[in-house]
Protein backbone atom coordinates (compact mmCIF):
# COMPACT_ATOMS: atom_id res chain seq x y z
CA UNK A 1 36.22 -27.10 -1.79
CA UNK A 2 36.71 -28.59 -5.26
CA UNK A 3 39.32 -27.08 -7.55
CA UNK A 4 36.55 -27.05 -10.15
CA UNK A 5 34.73 -24.46 -8.05
CA UNK A 6 37.78 -22.58 -6.80
CA UNK A 7 39.81 -21.47 -9.83
CA UNK A 8 43.44 -20.84 -8.94
CA UNK A 9 43.53 -23.10 -5.91
CA UNK A 10 46.62 -24.80 -7.34
CA UNK A 11 48.51 -21.63 -6.42
CA UNK A 12 48.04 -22.54 -2.75
CA UNK A 13 49.22 -26.13 -3.01
CA UNK A 14 50.52 -27.47 0.29
CA UNK A 15 48.06 -25.56 2.46
CA UNK A 16 45.28 -28.16 2.34
CA UNK A 17 44.96 -31.62 3.85
CA UNK A 18 48.33 -32.83 2.58
CA UNK A 19 50.06 -29.81 4.07
CA UNK A 20 48.29 -30.28 7.38
CA UNK A 21 49.26 -33.96 7.48
CA UNK A 22 52.91 -33.11 6.87
CA UNK A 23 52.73 -30.36 9.48
CA UNK A 24 51.36 -32.75 12.11
CA UNK A 25 54.15 -35.21 11.34
CA UNK A 26 56.71 -32.44 11.75
CA UNK A 27 55.13 -31.43 15.08
CA UNK A 28 55.51 -34.95 16.47
CA UNK A 29 59.07 -35.24 15.17
CA UNK A 30 60.05 -31.88 16.68
CA UNK A 31 58.42 -32.78 20.00
CA UNK A 32 60.35 -36.04 20.25
CA UNK A 33 63.55 -34.17 19.33
CA UNK A 34 62.89 -31.77 22.21
CA UNK A 35 62.36 -34.70 24.58
CA UNK A 36 65.63 -36.22 23.39
CA UNK A 37 67.44 -32.99 24.19
CA UNK A 38 65.87 -32.44 27.61
CA UNK A 39 63.95 -35.58 28.56
CA UNK A 40 64.19 -39.33 28.66
CA UNK A 41 63.79 -40.11 24.96
CA UNK A 42 66.93 -41.16 23.03
CA UNK A 43 68.44 -40.51 19.63
CA UNK A 44 67.43 -44.04 18.62
CA UNK A 45 63.77 -43.22 19.32
CA UNK A 46 64.05 -40.07 17.19
CA UNK A 47 65.75 -41.91 14.33
CA UNK A 48 63.07 -44.59 14.42
CA UNK A 49 60.26 -42.05 14.32
CA UNK A 50 61.94 -40.06 11.54
CA UNK A 51 62.29 -43.23 9.47
CA UNK A 52 58.60 -44.01 9.95
CA UNK A 53 57.61 -40.46 8.97
CA UNK A 54 59.64 -40.81 5.77
CA UNK A 55 57.45 -43.75 4.68
CA UNK A 56 54.02 -43.51 3.08
CA UNK A 57 51.94 -43.77 6.25
CA UNK A 58 48.23 -44.54 5.83
CA UNK A 59 45.79 -41.67 6.36
CA UNK A 60 42.95 -41.88 8.89
CA UNK A 61 39.63 -43.08 7.57
CA UNK A 62 36.85 -40.44 7.66
CA UNK A 63 34.85 -42.53 10.13
CA UNK A 64 37.72 -42.64 12.61
CA UNK A 65 38.16 -38.88 12.42
CA UNK A 66 34.46 -38.41 13.11
CA UNK A 67 34.52 -40.90 15.99
CA UNK A 68 37.36 -39.01 17.65
CA UNK A 69 36.11 -35.53 16.82
CA UNK A 70 39.50 -34.54 15.37
CA UNK A 71 42.12 -36.04 13.07
CA UNK A 72 44.79 -36.25 15.77
CA UNK A 73 43.65 -39.30 17.75
CA UNK A 74 43.82 -41.68 14.81
CA UNK A 75 46.91 -39.89 13.51
CA UNK A 76 48.75 -40.66 16.74
CA UNK A 77 47.57 -44.29 16.66
CA UNK A 78 48.89 -44.66 13.11
CA UNK A 79 52.20 -43.07 14.05
CA UNK A 80 52.68 -45.25 17.12
CA UNK A 81 51.81 -48.40 15.20
CA UNK A 82 54.56 -47.58 12.66
CA UNK A 83 57.34 -47.71 15.27
CA UNK A 84 58.56 -50.18 17.88
CA UNK A 85 57.00 -50.29 21.33
CA UNK A 86 59.89 -48.47 22.98
CA UNK A 87 59.63 -45.53 20.61
CA UNK A 88 55.82 -45.55 20.70
CA UNK A 89 55.93 -44.86 24.44
CA UNK A 90 57.59 -41.50 23.72
CA UNK A 91 55.54 -40.44 20.68
CA UNK A 92 53.06 -37.66 21.57
CA UNK A 93 53.87 -38.08 25.28
CA UNK A 94 53.09 -34.85 27.14
CA UNK A 95 50.97 -33.39 24.35
CA UNK A 96 47.24 -33.38 23.74
CA UNK A 97 45.36 -33.41 20.44
CA UNK A 98 44.86 -29.66 20.47
CA UNK A 99 48.59 -29.08 20.93
CA UNK A 100 49.37 -31.02 17.77
CA UNK A 101 46.66 -29.50 15.60
CA UNK A 102 47.13 -25.91 16.78
CA UNK A 103 50.89 -26.09 16.28
CA UNK A 104 50.40 -27.70 12.85
CA UNK A 105 48.07 -24.85 11.91
CA UNK A 106 50.75 -22.37 12.97
CA UNK A 107 53.17 -24.15 10.63
CA UNK A 108 50.66 -23.83 7.80
CA UNK A 109 50.25 -20.17 8.72
CA UNK A 110 54.02 -19.70 8.63
CA UNK A 111 54.09 -21.13 5.12
CA UNK A 112 51.13 -19.00 4.01
CA UNK A 113 52.54 -15.80 5.49
CA UNK A 114 55.88 -16.40 3.81
CA UNK A 115 54.21 -16.84 0.45
CA UNK A 116 52.00 -13.81 1.06
CA UNK A 117 55.09 -11.71 1.82
CA UNK A 118 56.69 -12.83 -1.45
CA UNK A 119 53.61 -12.06 -3.55
CA UNK A 120 53.08 -8.69 -1.87
CA UNK A 121 56.70 -7.78 -2.55
CA UNK A 122 56.32 -8.68 -6.23
CA UNK A 123 53.13 -6.66 -6.41
CA UNK A 124 54.75 -3.72 -4.66
CA UNK A 125 57.65 -3.70 -7.11
CA UNK A 126 55.25 -3.55 -10.06
CA UNK A 127 53.17 -0.84 -8.42
CA UNK A 128 56.26 1.24 -7.68
CA UNK A 129 57.18 1.07 -11.36
CA UNK A 130 53.68 2.14 -12.37
CA UNK A 131 53.68 4.98 -9.86
CA UNK A 132 57.07 6.19 -11.08
CA UNK A 133 56.24 5.89 -14.79
CA UNK A 134 52.83 7.56 -14.43
CA UNK A 135 53.69 10.11 -11.75
CA UNK A 136 52.31 12.89 -13.97
CA UNK A 137 49.81 10.96 -16.10
CA UNK A 138 46.63 13.00 -15.59
CA UNK A 139 43.32 11.20 -15.29
CA UNK A 140 39.84 11.95 -14.03
CA UNK A 141 39.43 11.54 -10.30
CA UNK A 142 36.12 10.00 -9.30
CA UNK A 143 34.24 10.08 -6.00
CA UNK A 144 30.93 8.31 -5.39
CA UNK A 145 31.17 7.14 -9.04
CA UNK A 146 31.16 10.70 -10.43
CA UNK A 147 33.89 13.03 -11.70
CA UNK A 148 35.65 14.90 -8.90
CA UNK A 149 38.98 16.68 -9.56
CA UNK A 150 42.01 15.66 -11.65
CA UNK A 151 44.41 13.07 -10.22
CA UNK A 152 47.28 11.11 -11.72
CA UNK A 153 47.44 7.42 -12.38
CA UNK A 154 50.77 7.50 -10.57
CA UNK A 155 48.96 8.62 -7.42
CA UNK A 156 46.39 5.86 -7.80
CA UNK A 157 49.15 3.27 -8.13
CA UNK A 158 50.99 4.82 -5.17
CA UNK A 159 47.90 4.54 -2.99
CA UNK A 160 47.57 0.88 -3.97
CA UNK A 161 51.24 0.51 -3.09
CA UNK A 162 50.69 1.95 0.41
CA UNK A 163 47.96 -0.63 1.03
CA UNK A 164 50.24 -3.44 -0.12
CA UNK A 165 53.19 -2.25 1.99
CA UNK A 166 50.99 -1.80 5.07
CA UNK A 167 49.69 -5.34 4.61
CA UNK A 168 53.22 -6.68 4.21
CA UNK A 169 54.33 -4.89 7.39
CA UNK A 170 51.40 -6.44 9.27
CA UNK A 171 52.27 -9.90 7.96
CA UNK A 172 55.89 -9.51 8.98
CA UNK A 173 54.79 -8.61 12.50
CA UNK A 174 52.60 -11.71 12.96
CA UNK A 175 53.41 -13.88 16.00
CA UNK A 176 53.29 -17.65 15.52
CA UNK A 177 53.56 -19.60 18.79
CA UNK A 178 53.71 -23.32 19.45
CA UNK A 179 50.87 -24.81 21.45
CA UNK A 180 51.98 -26.92 24.40
CA UNK A 181 49.45 -27.19 27.18
CA UNK A 182 48.83 -30.85 27.72
CA UNK A 183 45.43 -32.11 28.80
CA UNK A 184 44.14 -28.85 30.31
CA UNK A 185 46.80 -26.21 29.77
CA UNK A 186 48.98 -27.04 32.80
CA UNK A 187 51.68 -29.20 31.16
CA UNK A 188 51.25 -31.54 34.11
CA UNK A 189 52.52 -34.70 32.40
CA UNK A 190 55.50 -32.85 30.97
CA UNK A 191 56.70 -32.28 34.51
CA UNK A 192 56.86 -36.06 34.89
CA UNK A 193 58.90 -36.47 31.71
CA UNK A 194 61.64 -33.94 32.29
CA UNK A 195 63.25 -31.79 34.94
CA UNK A 196 63.22 -28.85 32.50
CA UNK A 197 59.72 -28.38 31.03
CA UNK A 198 60.51 -24.86 29.85
CA UNK A 199 63.65 -26.07 28.09
CA UNK A 200 61.65 -28.75 26.28
CA UNK A 201 59.15 -26.20 24.99
CA UNK A 202 61.96 -23.84 23.99
CA UNK A 203 63.64 -26.63 22.03
CA UNK A 204 60.32 -27.61 20.45
CA UNK A 205 59.68 -24.06 19.30
CA UNK A 206 63.21 -23.71 17.96
CA UNK A 207 62.90 -26.95 15.98
CA UNK A 208 59.79 -25.60 14.27
CA UNK A 209 60.88 -22.00 13.84
CA UNK A 210 57.97 -20.82 15.98
CA UNK A 211 57.75 -18.91 19.26
CA UNK A 212 57.49 -20.21 22.79
CA UNK A 213 54.34 -19.06 24.56
CA UNK A 214 51.97 -19.84 27.39
CA UNK A 215 49.31 -22.39 26.41
CA UNK A 216 46.54 -20.72 24.40
CA UNK A 217 43.90 -23.44 24.22
CA UNK A 218 41.11 -20.96 24.93
CA UNK A 219 42.97 -17.72 24.18
CA UNK A 220 42.68 -17.77 20.43
CA UNK A 221 44.47 -14.58 19.46
CA UNK A 222 47.23 -16.44 17.56
CA UNK A 223 44.52 -17.65 15.17
CA UNK A 224 42.55 -14.40 14.90
CA UNK A 225 45.62 -12.20 14.46
CA UNK A 226 46.95 -14.28 11.59
CA UNK A 227 43.52 -14.13 10.00
CA UNK A 228 43.35 -10.37 10.56
CA UNK A 229 46.62 -9.63 8.77
CA UNK A 230 45.66 -11.88 5.87
CA UNK A 231 42.30 -10.13 5.62
CA UNK A 232 44.15 -6.81 5.39
CA UNK A 233 46.24 -8.19 2.53
CA UNK A 234 43.13 -9.49 0.78
CA UNK A 235 41.50 -6.09 1.16
CA UNK A 236 44.50 -4.35 -0.40
CA UNK A 237 44.32 -6.79 -3.32
CA UNK A 238 40.56 -6.34 -3.58
CA UNK A 239 40.91 -2.57 -3.92
CA UNK A 240 43.31 -3.02 -6.83
CA UNK A 241 41.07 -5.59 -8.52
CA UNK A 242 37.94 -3.47 -8.09
CA UNK A 243 39.62 -0.46 -9.67
CA UNK A 244 40.95 -2.52 -12.56
CA UNK A 245 37.47 -3.94 -13.15
CA UNK A 246 35.99 -0.45 -13.41
CA UNK A 247 38.80 1.15 -15.40
CA UNK A 248 38.82 -1.82 -17.76
CA UNK A 249 35.17 -1.56 -18.76
CA UNK A 250 34.92 -0.97 -22.54
CA UNK A 251 33.23 2.38 -22.00
CA UNK A 252 36.17 3.48 -19.80
CA UNK A 253 39.13 1.64 -21.32
CA UNK A 254 41.90 3.27 -19.29
CA UNK A 255 43.39 0.11 -17.78
CA UNK A 256 43.10 -3.56 -18.71
CA UNK A 257 44.47 -6.90 -17.65
CA UNK A 258 47.36 -8.25 -19.65
CA UNK A 259 46.08 -10.54 -22.36
CA UNK A 260 47.34 -13.99 -23.30
CA UNK A 261 46.09 -16.95 -25.28
CA UNK A 262 43.23 -18.76 -23.60
CA UNK A 263 42.87 -16.29 -20.73
CA UNK A 264 39.45 -14.79 -20.07
CA UNK A 265 37.72 -16.58 -22.90
CA UNK A 266 33.98 -17.09 -23.02
CA UNK A 267 32.20 -20.35 -23.72
CA UNK A 268 29.82 -18.60 -26.13
CA UNK A 269 31.08 -15.10 -27.06
CA UNK A 270 34.29 -15.23 -29.11
CA UNK A 271 35.03 -11.51 -28.81
CA UNK A 272 35.36 -11.48 -25.02
CA UNK A 273 38.54 -11.17 -22.96
CA UNK A 274 37.20 -11.31 -19.43
CA UNK A 275 39.31 -9.80 -16.60
CA UNK A 276 39.43 -13.14 -14.82
CA UNK A 277 42.27 -12.37 -12.40
CA UNK A 278 40.49 -9.27 -11.11
CA UNK A 279 37.24 -11.19 -10.79
CA UNK A 280 38.88 -14.00 -8.79
CA UNK A 281 40.80 -11.58 -6.56
CA UNK A 282 37.63 -9.67 -5.82
CA UNK A 283 35.88 -12.95 -5.05
CA UNK A 284 38.52 -13.79 -2.44
CA UNK A 285 38.35 -10.29 -0.96
CA UNK A 286 34.61 -10.77 -0.49
CA UNK A 287 34.95 -14.24 1.06
CA UNK A 288 37.76 -13.68 3.57
CA UNK A 289 36.24 -11.02 5.92
CA UNK A 290 33.19 -13.15 6.90
CA UNK A 291 35.51 -16.08 7.57
CA UNK A 292 37.66 -13.87 9.81
CA UNK A 293 34.56 -12.64 11.61
CA UNK A 294 33.60 -16.28 12.19
CA UNK A 295 37.01 -16.94 13.73
CA UNK A 296 36.52 -14.04 16.14
CA UNK A 297 33.13 -15.49 17.10
CA UNK A 298 34.77 -18.84 17.77
CA UNK A 299 37.43 -17.10 19.87
CA UNK A 300 34.76 -15.44 22.00
CA UNK A 301 33.11 -18.82 22.69
CA UNK A 302 36.28 -20.73 23.70
CA UNK A 303 35.22 -21.75 27.21
CA UNK A 304 36.60 -23.94 30.01
CA UNK A 305 40.19 -25.15 29.57
CA UNK A 306 39.52 -26.66 26.13
CA UNK A 307 36.66 -25.51 23.86
CA UNK A 308 33.61 -27.63 23.11
CA UNK A 309 32.99 -26.95 19.42
CA UNK A 310 34.30 -23.41 19.06
CA UNK A 311 37.81 -24.74 18.45
CA UNK A 312 36.53 -27.31 15.98
CA UNK A 313 34.62 -24.63 14.07
CA UNK A 314 37.86 -22.71 13.47
CA UNK A 315 39.59 -25.34 11.35
CA UNK A 316 37.79 -25.01 8.00
CA UNK A 317 37.55 -21.22 8.24
CA UNK A 318 41.20 -20.72 9.17
CA UNK A 319 42.60 -23.00 6.48
CA UNK A 320 40.25 -21.41 3.95
CA UNK A 321 41.56 -17.96 4.86
CA UNK A 322 45.10 -19.24 4.24
CA UNK A 323 44.34 -20.76 0.84
CA UNK A 324 42.11 -17.93 -0.38
CA UNK A 325 44.63 -15.27 0.55
CA UNK A 326 47.69 -16.99 -0.89
CA UNK A 327 45.78 -17.67 -4.10
CA UNK A 328 44.50 -14.10 -4.37
CA UNK A 329 47.89 -12.53 -3.65
CA UNK A 330 49.58 -14.74 -6.24
CA UNK A 331 46.93 -13.66 -8.75
CA UNK A 332 47.42 -10.02 -7.75
CA UNK A 333 51.14 -10.18 -8.45
CA UNK A 334 50.34 -11.50 -11.93
CA UNK A 335 47.60 -8.92 -12.46
CA UNK A 336 49.69 -5.89 -11.54
CA UNK A 337 52.79 -7.21 -13.27
CA UNK A 338 50.90 -7.48 -16.57
CA UNK A 339 48.63 -4.45 -16.27
CA UNK A 340 48.18 -2.48 -19.49
CA UNK A 341 47.78 1.29 -19.05
CA UNK A 342 46.23 3.50 -21.74
CA UNK A 343 47.65 6.86 -20.72
CA UNK A 344 46.30 8.49 -23.88
CA UNK A 345 42.75 7.46 -22.99
CA UNK A 346 43.22 8.84 -19.48
CA UNK A 347 44.48 12.17 -20.74
CA UNK A 348 41.75 12.46 -23.38
CA UNK A 349 39.01 11.77 -20.87
CA UNK A 350 40.44 14.32 -18.43
CA UNK A 351 40.42 16.91 -21.20
CA UNK A 352 36.87 16.06 -22.21
CA UNK A 353 35.68 16.32 -18.62
CA UNK A 354 37.77 19.39 -17.77
CA UNK A 355 34.77 21.59 -17.01
CA UNK A 356 33.57 19.15 -14.34
CA UNK A 357 37.04 18.28 -13.04
CA UNK A 358 37.91 21.96 -12.53
CA UNK A 359 34.54 23.08 -11.17
CA UNK A 360 35.86 23.10 -7.59
CA UNK A 361 38.13 26.05 -8.38
CA UNK A 362 35.58 27.78 -10.57
CA UNK A 363 36.67 26.37 -13.94
CA UNK A 364 39.28 27.48 -16.41
CA UNK A 365 42.80 26.20 -17.02
CA UNK A 366 44.07 22.70 -17.64
CA UNK A 367 43.53 19.55 -15.54
CA UNK A 368 47.30 19.14 -15.26
CA UNK A 369 47.48 22.49 -13.46
CA UNK A 370 45.12 21.40 -10.68
CA UNK A 371 46.79 18.35 -9.11
CA UNK A 372 47.54 19.72 -5.65
CA UNK A 373 50.14 17.54 -3.92
CA UNK A 374 49.55 14.49 -6.10
CA UNK A 375 53.10 14.20 -7.41
CA UNK A 376 54.56 14.92 -3.98
CA UNK A 377 52.49 12.11 -2.51
CA UNK A 378 53.80 9.75 -5.18
CA UNK A 379 57.35 10.72 -4.29
CA UNK A 380 56.72 10.07 -0.59
CA UNK A 381 55.38 6.58 -1.28
CA UNK A 382 58.23 5.75 -3.64
CA UNK A 383 60.72 6.89 -1.01
CA UNK A 384 59.16 4.42 1.43
CA UNK A 385 59.43 1.64 -1.14
CA UNK A 386 63.03 2.53 -1.95
CA UNK A 387 63.92 2.35 1.74
CA UNK A 388 62.76 -1.25 1.75
């Protein structure tokens, strides 16, 4: 996808082709390091490979990637050609193409999840401040687009905060395993290279900061579960953006994006300040769920010991989920951090609509007197945030 057609993609730098290339290089380096520790490779082989990786290695031509059906075959050829024959004999030995690419994707996922955690934490801090500052700011509650009963903006922000914290908890619980199965998930060649296959895989996982696991060539839950938690985060961001878009309409005017020079301008209407962050976040929240559904479909069609197309169909969807989510969560942190709240407009509208907002109890009184447990709920959410 072109950056011209994906505004904000620069926020996810390192998760595209360049990031994947570096991740594959790191996989091969870590694998050789594991074979040095528990196999027949030597420190000299590892130093030689590391020196080659530090150079500007050529990238595979598109035709060679197509001919092989994946980028790994030509990648390995390039890597082996950059080292001496003795080292080349140890490069990639015991792995298969899927091992390299799956593990590289887990490294990209690790990067993306770490960034997502950071952006969610920034967003949560801003939401906690909004919830605390507007704990008793009365506004009109709306259900099915119509007035319901009074609520507070603090409660609205607290509910957004719960969604963000839930998403962060899910991200922190994600499991990222290495993939080491060899040709058909048996690690057969690895048994010829070392007397301690399990120790090699343990060392490999430790080098990469990932988990050891049984081969998962056709058991694709590591992919789908990462995608699931990122979809949850995108949904939490989408809820915030959708509310800001509504509350920021000129005829509502209760909330608006922070304004700055050049942001949200129109090519033809000089008076406009478009809520571009909310629009882009909502766009990502609409795109990610179908991509995640596609990954689940691919998972269900992963047959034999290595999939025939279902695995290949995962790559663009999975990496797109990573980049879309990181971009959207970065934008959400900026959106919430700069949100402008018009508490006076909220209060005035609640007063104007008091007859409708208090109809449930038969009318009469003030909107501020009919908030139920709203402030208590805010306090409960803030206590969760304060606990970390």
